[in-house]
Amino acid sequence: MTTTRTLLFGALALASTHAAANWSTTVTAASDYTFNGVSQTQNDPALQASLDYAFDNGIYAGTWASNVDFGGDTNLEWDAYVGKYVKLNDSWSVDYGIAYYTYHGDSNSSDGNYPEVYSKFGFSNSLGQTEFNFWYSWDYFGTGAGHTIAMVAHSVEIAKGHTLRASFDVSNSLDSDKYMWDAGDKSYHHYRLAYQTSYEGFNFEVAAENTSLDYDTADERIVLSVSRTFNL
């Protein structure tokens, strides 16, 4: 779902840290849509877009969509979210809210709809930006299973306009009798290293990632993406 739904939460961060922008939209083309290292498009490309509104007090709301392919007729993920970004002091910030993920394309696609709450803590100093991010759902993919994701990440600017971001996250089903991954695992690890830069208003990312799962939509891969944000 960058994560990882990395690109979705990248949109959240963009909305929250640029409150003066009010309305904005971001369009992204990616070589794959991975959610915590697992392809949501059968290793194929994705076209994604968001529409966000940010208030001056740090509250934001928006919607985000992407094509998906789970091997059936479900072909669209369309999400909505609302949250708040708070600058605690010169070093610490927190971004928290709730998201709702919906799926479309088949008569039973909506069976996978589910809510998720999140909190993201940011710490910045001369060594870069560190993130401690947490997600929790009580109805993961509509199965009734509790599910958590915990991530630690660090970004460092290696040269002006050039950033490296390393992240590690753990996905964990709290009810393995209701939800497990294809390999029969109740939890797995995901590793990701990304290079990020921008040129002429376009944002570029090249990411190498892998998981501890052992199937072809969750193995090692290189993901390329280009995006552009427009203030409306």
C-alpha atoms as a PDB file:
ATOM      1  CA  MET A   1       0.000   0.000   0.000  1.00  0.00           C
ATOM      2  CA  THR A   2       5.408   3.806   1.099  1.00  0.00           C
ATOM      3  CA  THR A   3       4.358   3.450   3.558  1.00  0.00           C
ATOM      4  CA  THR A   4       5.628   2.906   1.430  1.00  0.00           C
ATOM      5  CA  ARG A   5       1.303   3.046   1.056  1.00  0.00           C
ATOM      6  CA  THR A   6       4.521   4.985   1.021  1.00  0.00           C
ATOM      7  CA  LEU A   7       3.314   7.432  -1.585  1.00  0.00           C
ATOM      8  CA  LEU A   8       0.059   8.051   0.264  1.00  0.00           C
ATOM      9  CA  PHE A   9       1.807   9.009   3.467  1.00  0.00           C
ATOM     10  CA  GLY A  10       4.247  11.065   1.470  1.00  0.00           C
ATOM     11  CA  ALA A  11       1.181  13.009   0.357  1.00  0.00           C
ATOM     12  CA  LEU A  12       0.094  13.367   3.977  1.00  0.00           C
ATOM     13  CA  ALA A  13       3.455  14.788   4.949  1.00  0.00           C
ATOM     14  CA  LEU A  14       3.378  17.162   2.000  1.00  0.00           C
ATOM     15  CA  ALA A  15      -0.044  18.463   2.967  1.00  0.00           C
ATOM     16  CA  SER A  16       0.817  18.888   6.636  1.00  0.00           C
ATOM     17  CA  THR A  17       4.171  20.597   6.226  1.00  0.00           C
ATOM     18  CA  HIS A  18       2.955  23.081   3.621  1.00  0.00           C
ATOM     19  CA  ALA A  19      -0.137  24.348   5.373  1.00  0.00           C
ATOM     20  CA  ALA A  20      -0.141  27.665   3.535  1.00  0.00           C
ATOM     21  CA  ALA A  21      -0.682  25.850   0.224  1.00  0.00           C
ATOM     22  CA  ASN A  22      -4.387  25.131   1.034  1.00  0.00           C
ATOM     23  CA  TRP A  23      -5.537  23.139  -2.052  1.00  0.00           C
ATOM     24  CA  SER A  24      -2.940  20.997  -3.788  1.00  0.00           C
ATOM     25  CA  THR A  25      -2.790  17.934  -5.990  1.00  0.00           C
ATOM     26  CA  THR A  26       0.046  15.489  -6.600  1.00  0.00           C
ATOM     27  CA  VAL A  27       0.283  13.205  -9.634  1.00  0.00           C
ATOM     28  CA  THR A  28       2.715  10.256  -9.548  1.00  0.00           C
ATOM     29  CA  ALA A  29       3.856   7.686 -12.086  1.00  0.00           C
ATOM     30  CA  ALA A  30       5.671   4.689 -10.581  1.00  0.00           C
ATOM     31  CA  SER A  31       7.203   1.499 -11.965  1.00  0.00           C
ATOM     32  CA  ASP A  32       5.412  -0.433  -9.201  1.00  0.00           C
ATOM     33  CA  TYR A  33       3.002   0.298  -6.357  1.00  0.00           C
ATOM     34  CA  THR A  34       4.426  -1.367  -3.271  1.00  0.00           C
ATOM     35  CA  PHE A  35       2.813  -1.365   0.156  1.00  0.00           C
ATOM     36  CA  ASN A  36       5.487  -2.123   2.744  1.00  0.00           C
ATOM     37  CA  GLY A  37       7.431  -3.952   0.060  1.00  0.00           C
ATOM     38  CA  VAL A  38       4.495  -5.962  -1.354  1.00  0.00           C
ATOM     39  CA  SER A  39       3.414  -5.078  -4.883  1.00  0.00           C
ATOM     40  CA  GLN A  40      -0.215  -4.018  -5.215  1.00  0.00           C
ATOM     41  CA  THR A  41      -0.015  -4.122  -9.018  1.00  0.00           C
ATOM     42  CA  GLN A  42       1.493  -7.584  -9.720  1.00  0.00           C
ATOM     43  CA  ASN A  43       4.897  -5.893 -10.242  1.00  0.00           C
ATOM     44  CA  ASP A  44       3.420  -3.596 -12.909  1.00  0.00           C
ATOM     45  CA  PRO A  45       3.424   0.251 -13.137  1.00  0.00           C
ATOM     46  CA  ALA A  46       0.987   2.511 -11.314  1.00  0.00           C
ATOM     47  CA  LEU A  47      -0.533   5.937 -11.918  1.00  0.00           C
ATOM     48  CA  GLN A  48      -1.549   7.741  -8.739  1.00  0.00           C
ATOM     49  CA  ALA A  49      -3.043  11.084  -7.749  1.00  0.00           C
ATOM     50  CA  SER A  50      -4.039  12.930  -4.601  1.00  0.00           C
ATOM     51  CA  LEU A  51      -6.135  15.978  -3.787  1.00  0.00           C
ATOM     52  CA  ASP A  52      -5.405  17.684  -0.458  1.00  0.00           C
ATOM     53  CA  TYR A  53      -6.563  20.647   1.574  1.00  0.00           C
ATOM     54  CA  ALA A  54      -4.409  21.998   4.399  1.00  0.00           C
ATOM     55  CA  PHE A  55      -5.616  24.482   7.009  1.00  0.00           C
ATOM     56  CA  ASP A  56      -3.322  27.062   8.579  1.00  0.00           C
ATOM     57  CA  ASN A  57      -3.622  25.356  11.987  1.00  0.00           C
ATOM     58  CA  GLY A  58      -2.040  22.122  10.697  1.00  0.00           C
ATOM     59  CA  ILE A  59      -5.255  20.164  10.064  1.00  0.00           C
ATOM     60  CA  TYR A  60      -5.437  18.564   6.624  1.00  0.00           C
ATOM     61  CA  ALA A  61      -7.752  16.305   4.660  1.00  0.00           C
ATOM     62  CA  GLY A  62      -7.469  14.630   1.322  1.00  0.00           C
ATOM     63  CA  THR A  63      -8.067  11.738  -0.997  1.00  0.00           C
ATOM     64  CA  TRP A  64      -5.666   9.522  -2.975  1.00  0.00           C
ATOM     65  CA  ALA A  65      -6.146   6.926  -5.705  1.00  0.00           C
ATOM     66  CA  SER A  66      -4.095   4.325  -7.573  1.00  0.00           C
ATOM     67  CA  ASN A  67      -4.636   1.454  -9.946  1.00  0.00           C
ATOM     68  CA  VAL A  68      -4.167  -1.964  -8.300  1.00  0.00           C
ATOM     69  CA  ASP A  69      -4.098  -5.595  -9.419  1.00  0.00           C
ATOM     70  CA  PHE A  70      -4.642  -8.402  -6.918  1.00  0.00           C
ATOM     71  CA  GLY A  71      -5.157 -11.050  -9.583  1.00  0.00           C
ATOM     72  CA  GLY A  72      -8.936 -10.525  -9.824  1.00  0.00           C
ATOM     73  CA  ASP A  73     -11.204  -7.762 -11.115  1.00  0.00           C
ATOM     74  CA  THR A  74     -10.379  -5.217  -8.390  1.00  0.00           C
ATOM     75  CA  ASN A  75      -8.520  -2.470 -10.249  1.00  0.00           C
ATOM     76  CA  LEU A  76      -8.762   0.723  -8.177  1.00  0.00           C
ATOM     77  CA  GLU A  77      -7.803   1.758  -4.663  1.00  0.00           C
ATOM     78  CA  TRP A  78      -9.346   5.042  -3.519  1.00  0.00           C
ATOM     79  CA  ASP A  79      -8.543   6.357  -0.044  1.00  0.00           C
ATOM     80  CA  ALA A  80      -9.501   9.275   2.163  1.00  0.00           C
ATOM     81  CA  TYR A  81      -7.745  10.701   5.211  1.00  0.00           C
ATOM     82  CA  VAL A  82      -7.843  13.503   7.742  1.00  0.00           C
ATOM     83  CA  GLY A  83      -5.159  14.433  10.230  1.00  0.00           C
ATOM     84  CA  LYS A  84      -3.169  17.120  11.952  1.00  0.00           C
ATOM     85  CA  TYR A  85       0.481  18.127  11.884  1.00  0.00           C
ATOM     86  CA  VAL A  86       1.894  19.745  15.036  1.00  0.00           C
ATOM     87  CA  LYS A  87       5.336  21.284  15.452  1.00  0.00           C
ATOM     88  CA  LEU A  88       6.208  20.510  19.075  1.00  0.00           C
ATOM     89  CA  ASN A  89       9.518  22.407  19.221  1.00  0.00           C
ATOM     90  CA  ASP A  90      12.550  23.124  17.041  1.00  0.00           C
ATOM     91  CA  SER A  91      13.377  19.404  16.803  1.00  0.00           C
ATOM     92  CA  TRP A  92      10.178  17.377  17.271  1.00  0.00           C
ATOM     93  CA  SER A  93       6.924  17.174  15.329  1.00  0.00           C
ATOM     94  CA  VAL A  94       3.950  14.824  15.267  1.00  0.00           C
ATOM     95  CA  ASP A  95       1.528  13.996  12.450  1.00  0.00           C
ATOM     96  CA  TYR A  96      -1.559  11.931  13.383  1.00  0.00           C
ATOM     97  CA  GLY A  97      -4.884  11.042  11.869  1.00  0.00           C
ATOM     98  CA  ILE A  98      -7.141   8.396  10.357  1.00  0.00           C
ATOM     99  CA  ALA A  99      -7.359   6.958   6.853  1.00  0.00           C
ATOM    100  CA  TYR A 100      -9.963   4.804   5.141  1.00  0.00           C
ATOM    101  CA  TYR A 101      -8.982   2.546   2.223  1.00  0.00           C
ATOM    102  CA  THR A 102     -11.549   1.470  -0.364  1.00  0.00           C
ATOM    103  CA  TYR A 103     -11.325  -0.894  -3.355  1.00  0.00           C
ATOM    104  CA  HIS A 104     -13.323  -0.921  -6.585  1.00  0.00           C
ATOM    105  CA  GLY A 105     -13.788  -2.840  -9.832  1.00  0.00           C
ATOM    106  CA  ASP A 106     -15.732  -5.933  -8.761  1.00  0.00           C
ATOM    107  CA  SER A 107     -18.988  -6.486  -6.893  1.00  0.00           C
ATOM    108  CA  ASN A 108     -17.122  -7.756  -3.832  1.00  0.00           C
ATOM    109  CA  SER A 109     -14.118  -5.405  -3.990  1.00  0.00           C
ATOM    110  CA  SER A 110     -15.514  -3.344  -1.112  1.00  0.00           C
ATOM    111  CA  ASP A 111     -15.163  -6.376   1.173  1.00  0.00           C
ATOM    112  CA  GLY A 112     -11.511  -5.331   1.537  1.00  0.00           C
ATOM    113  CA  ASN A 113     -12.272  -1.773   2.703  1.00  0.00           C
ATOM    114  CA  TYR A 114     -10.766  -0.888   6.075  1.00  0.00           C
ATOM    115  CA  PRO A 115      -9.885   1.991   8.434  1.00  0.00           C
ATOM    116  CA  GLU A 116      -6.470   2.770   9.889  1.00  0.00           C
ATOM    117  CA  VAL A 117      -5.175   5.273  12.443  1.00  0.00           C
ATOM    118  CA  TYR A 118      -1.613   6.534  12.363  1.00  0.00           C
ATOM    119  CA  SER A 119       0.902   8.672  14.221  1.00  0.00           C
ATOM    120  CA  LYS A 120       4.237   9.852  12.866  1.00  0.00           C
ATOM    121  CA  PHE A 121       6.890  11.430  15.055  1.00  0.00           C
ATOM    122  CA  GLY A 122       9.659  13.432  13.403  1.00  0.00           C
ATOM    123  CA  PHE A 123      12.995  14.469  14.903  1.00  0.00           C
ATOM    124  CA  SER A 124      15.353  16.773  13.017  1.00  0.00           C
ATOM    125  CA  ASN A 125      18.894  17.871  13.782  1.00  0.00           C
ATOM    126  CA  SER A 126      22.153  18.499  11.962  1.00  0.00           C
ATOM    127  CA  LEU A 127      22.371  14.792  11.056  1.00  0.00           C
ATOM    128  CA  GLY A 128      19.055  14.769   9.157  1.00  0.00           C
ATOM    129  CA  GLN A 129      15.427  13.839   9.763  1.00  0.00           C
ATOM    130  CA  THR A 130      14.421  10.753  11.770  1.00  0.00           C
ATOM    131  CA  GLU A 131      10.892   9.308  11.732  1.00  0.00           C
ATOM    132  CA  PHE A 132       9.112   6.973  14.134  1.00  0.00           C
ATOM    133  CA  ASN A 133       5.850   5.963  12.449  1.00  0.00           C
ATOM    134  CA  PHE A 134       2.997   3.738  13.623  1.00  0.00           C
ATOM    135  CA  TRP A 135      -0.210   2.463  11.989  1.00  0.00           C
ATOM    136  CA  TYR A 136      -3.032   0.409  13.493  1.00  0.00           C
ATOM    137  CA  SER A 137      -6.161  -1.132  11.964  1.00  0.00           C
ATOM    138  CA  TRP A 138      -8.838  -3.116  13.791  1.00  0.00           C
ATOM    139  CA  ASP A 139     -10.325  -4.510  10.549  1.00  0.00           C
ATOM    140  CA  TYR A 140      -7.364  -5.105   8.255  1.00  0.00           C
ATOM    141  CA  PHE A 141      -8.528  -5.586   4.641  1.00  0.00           C
ATOM    142  CA  GLY A 142     -12.040  -6.192   5.983  1.00  0.00           C
ATOM    143  CA  THR A 143     -11.042  -9.412   7.772  1.00  0.00           C
ATOM    144  CA  GLY A 144     -11.739  -8.209  11.320  1.00  0.00           C
ATOM    145  CA  ALA A 145      -8.070  -8.733  12.179  1.00  0.00           C
ATOM    146  CA  GLY A 146      -6.077  -6.292  14.249  1.00  0.00           C
ATOM    147  CA  HIS A 147      -2.933  -5.195  12.453  1.00  0.00           C
ATOM    148  CA  THR A 148       0.031  -2.936  13.219  1.00  0.00           C
ATOM    149  CA  ILE A 149       2.897  -1.440  11.244  1.00  0.00           C
ATOM    150  CA  ALA A 150       5.903   0.127  12.983  1.00  0.00           C
ATOM    151  CA  MET A 151       8.565   1.995  11.015  1.00  0.00           C
ATOM    152  CA  VAL A 152      11.813   3.778  11.728  1.00  0.00           C
ATOM    153  CA  ALA A 153      13.360   5.880   8.966  1.00  0.00           C
ATOM    154  CA  HIS A 154      16.128   8.401   8.526  1.00  0.00           C
ATOM    155  CA  SER A 155      16.701  10.923   5.745  1.00  0.00           C
ATOM    156  CA  VAL A 156      19.952  12.768   5.148  1.00  0.00           C
ATOM    157  CA  GLU A 157      20.809  15.345   2.498  1.00  0.00           C
ATOM    158  CA  ILE A 158      24.056  14.118   0.961  1.00  0.00           C
ATOM    159  CA  ALA A 159      24.324  17.196  -1.281  1.00  0.00           C
ATOM    160  CA  LYS A 160      22.070  20.171  -1.902  1.00  0.00           C
ATOM    161  CA  GLY A 161      18.882  18.808  -3.452  1.00  0.00           C
ATOM    162  CA  HIS A 162      19.929  15.157  -3.097  1.00  0.00           C
ATOM    163  CA  THR A 163      18.572  13.022  -0.245  1.00  0.00           C
ATOM    164  CA  LEU A 164      18.988   9.426   0.904  1.00  0.00           C
ATOM    165  CA  ARG A 165      16.187   7.863   2.957  1.00  0.00           C
ATOM    166  CA  ALA A 166      16.607   4.508   4.686  1.00  0.00           C
ATOM    167  CA  SER A 167      13.662   2.796   6.384  1.00  0.00           C
ATOM    168  CA  PHE A 168      12.824  -0.425   8.197  1.00  0.00           C
ATOM    169  CA  ASP A 169       9.286  -1.503   9.090  1.00  0.00           C
ATOM    170  CA  VAL A 170       7.538  -4.484  10.632  1.00  0.00           C
ATOM    171  CA  SER A 171       3.991  -5.505   9.665  1.00  0.00           C
ATOM    172  CA  ASN A 172       2.241  -7.686  12.221  1.00  0.00           C
ATOM    173  CA  SER A 173      -1.156  -9.392  12.218  1.00  0.00           C
ATOM    174  CA  LEU A 174      -2.595  -9.475  15.732  1.00  0.00           C
ATOM    175  CA  ASP A 175      -5.155 -12.124  14.722  1.00  0.00           C
ATOM    176  CA  SER A 176      -3.371 -14.707  12.595  1.00  0.00           C
ATOM    177  CA  ASP A 177      -6.500 -16.878  12.487  1.00  0.00           C
ATOM    178  CA  LYS A 178      -8.186 -14.054  10.534  1.00  0.00           C
ATOM    179  CA  TYR A 179      -5.335 -12.688   8.423  1.00  0.00           C
ATOM    180  CA  MET A 180      -1.958 -14.032   7.306  1.00  0.00           C
ATOM    181  CA  TRP A 181       0.210 -13.317   4.283  1.00  0.00           C
ATOM    182  CA  ASP A 182       0.470 -15.674   1.323  1.00  0.00           C
ATOM    183  CA  ALA A 183       3.501 -17.422   2.781  1.00  0.00           C
ATOM    184  CA  GLY A 184       1.611 -18.200   6.008  1.00  0.00           C
ATOM    185  CA  ASP A 185       3.477 -15.564   8.015  1.00  0.00           C
ATOM    186  CA  LYS A 186       1.771 -13.456  10.704  1.00  0.00           C
ATOM    187  CA  SER A 187       4.496 -10.798  10.458  1.00  0.00           C
ATOM    188  CA  TYR A 188       7.297  -9.757   8.141  1.00  0.00           C
ATOM    189  CA  HIS A 189      10.092  -7.200   7.780  1.00  0.00           C
ATOM    190  CA  HIS A 190      10.580  -4.651   5.017  1.00  0.00           C
ATOM    191  CA  TYR A 191      13.792  -2.789   4.153  1.00  0.00           C
ATOM    192  CA  ARG A 192      14.037   0.194   1.813  1.00  0.00           C
ATOM    193  CA  LEU A 193      16.743   2.611   0.639  1.00  0.00           C
ATOM    194  CA  ALA A 194      15.691   5.516  -1.567  1.00  0.00           C
ATOM    195  CA  TYR A 195      17.461   8.308  -3.407  1.00  0.00           C
ATOM    196  CA  GLN A 196      15.334  11.437  -3.858  1.00  0.00           C
ATOM    197  CA  THR A 197      15.860  14.582  -5.877  1.00  0.00           C
ATOM    198  CA  SER A 198      13.893  17.161  -7.860  1.00  0.00           C
ATOM    199  CA  TYR A 199      14.284  18.968 -11.162  1.00  0.00           C
ATOM    200  CA  GLU A 200      12.143  21.613 -12.850  1.00  0.00           C
ATOM    201  CA  GLY A 201       9.301  21.049 -10.402  1.00  0.00           C
ATOM    202  CA  PHE A 202       9.331  17.249 -10.720  1.00  0.00           C
ATOM    203  CA  ASN A 203      10.257  14.975  -7.797  1.00  0.00           C
ATOM    204  CA  PHE A 204      12.200  11.802  -8.600  1.00  0.00           C
ATOM    205  CA  GLU A 205      12.824   8.727  -6.456  1.00  0.00           C
ATOM    206  CA  VAL A 206      14.802   5.532  -7.041  1.00  0.00           C
ATOM    207  CA  ALA A 207      14.291   2.961  -4.279  1.00  0.00           C
ATOM    208  CA  ALA A 208      15.730  -0.493  -3.599  1.00  0.00           C
ATOM    209  CA  GLU A 209      13.596  -2.636  -1.311  1.00  0.00           C
ATOM    210  CA  ASN A 210      13.092  -6.173  -0.078  1.00  0.00           C
ATOM    211  CA  THR A 211      11.027  -8.097   2.488  1.00  0.00           C
ATOM    212  CA  SER A 212      11.363 -11.251   4.545  1.00  0.00           C
ATOM    213  CA  LEU A 213       8.423 -12.757   2.628  1.00  0.00           C
ATOM    214  CA  ASP A 214       9.199 -15.404   0.030  1.00  0.00           C
ATOM    215  CA  TYR A 215       7.039 -14.801  -3.030  1.00  0.00           C
ATOM    216  CA  ASP A 216       7.514 -12.883  -6.263  1.00  0.00           C
ATOM    217  CA  THR A 217       5.408  -9.814  -5.440  1.00  0.00           C
ATOM    218  CA  ALA A 218       7.403  -9.215  -2.253  1.00  0.00           C
ATOM    219  CA  ASP A 219      10.974  -9.968  -3.284  1.00  0.00           C
ATOM    220  CA  GLU A 220      13.861  -7.603  -3.974  1.00  0.00           C
ATOM    221  CA  ARG A 221      13.123  -4.867  -6.491  1.00  0.00           C
ATOM    222  CA  ILE A 222      14.002  -1.398  -7.749  1.00  0.00           C
ATOM    223  CA  VAL A 223      11.090   1.056  -7.859  1.00  0.00           C
ATOM    224  CA  LEU A 224      11.258   4.265  -9.881  1.00  0.00           C
ATOM    225  CA  SER A 225       8.784   7.127  -9.479  1.00  0.00           C
ATOM    226  CA  VAL A 226       8.287  10.669 -10.692  1.00  0.00           C
ATOM    227  CA  SER A 227       5.729  13.055  -9.248  1.00  0.00           C
ATOM    228  CA  ARG A 228       4.673  16.671  -9.446  1.00  0.00           C
ATOM    229  CA  THR A 229       2.646  18.730  -6.994  1.00  0.00           C
ATOM    230  CA  PHE A 230       0.431  21.579  -8.110  1.00  0.00           C
ATOM    231  CA  ASN A 231      -0.916  24.265  -5.759  1.00  0.00           C
ATOM    232  CA  LEU A 232      -4.496  25.066  -6.770  1.00  0.00           C
END
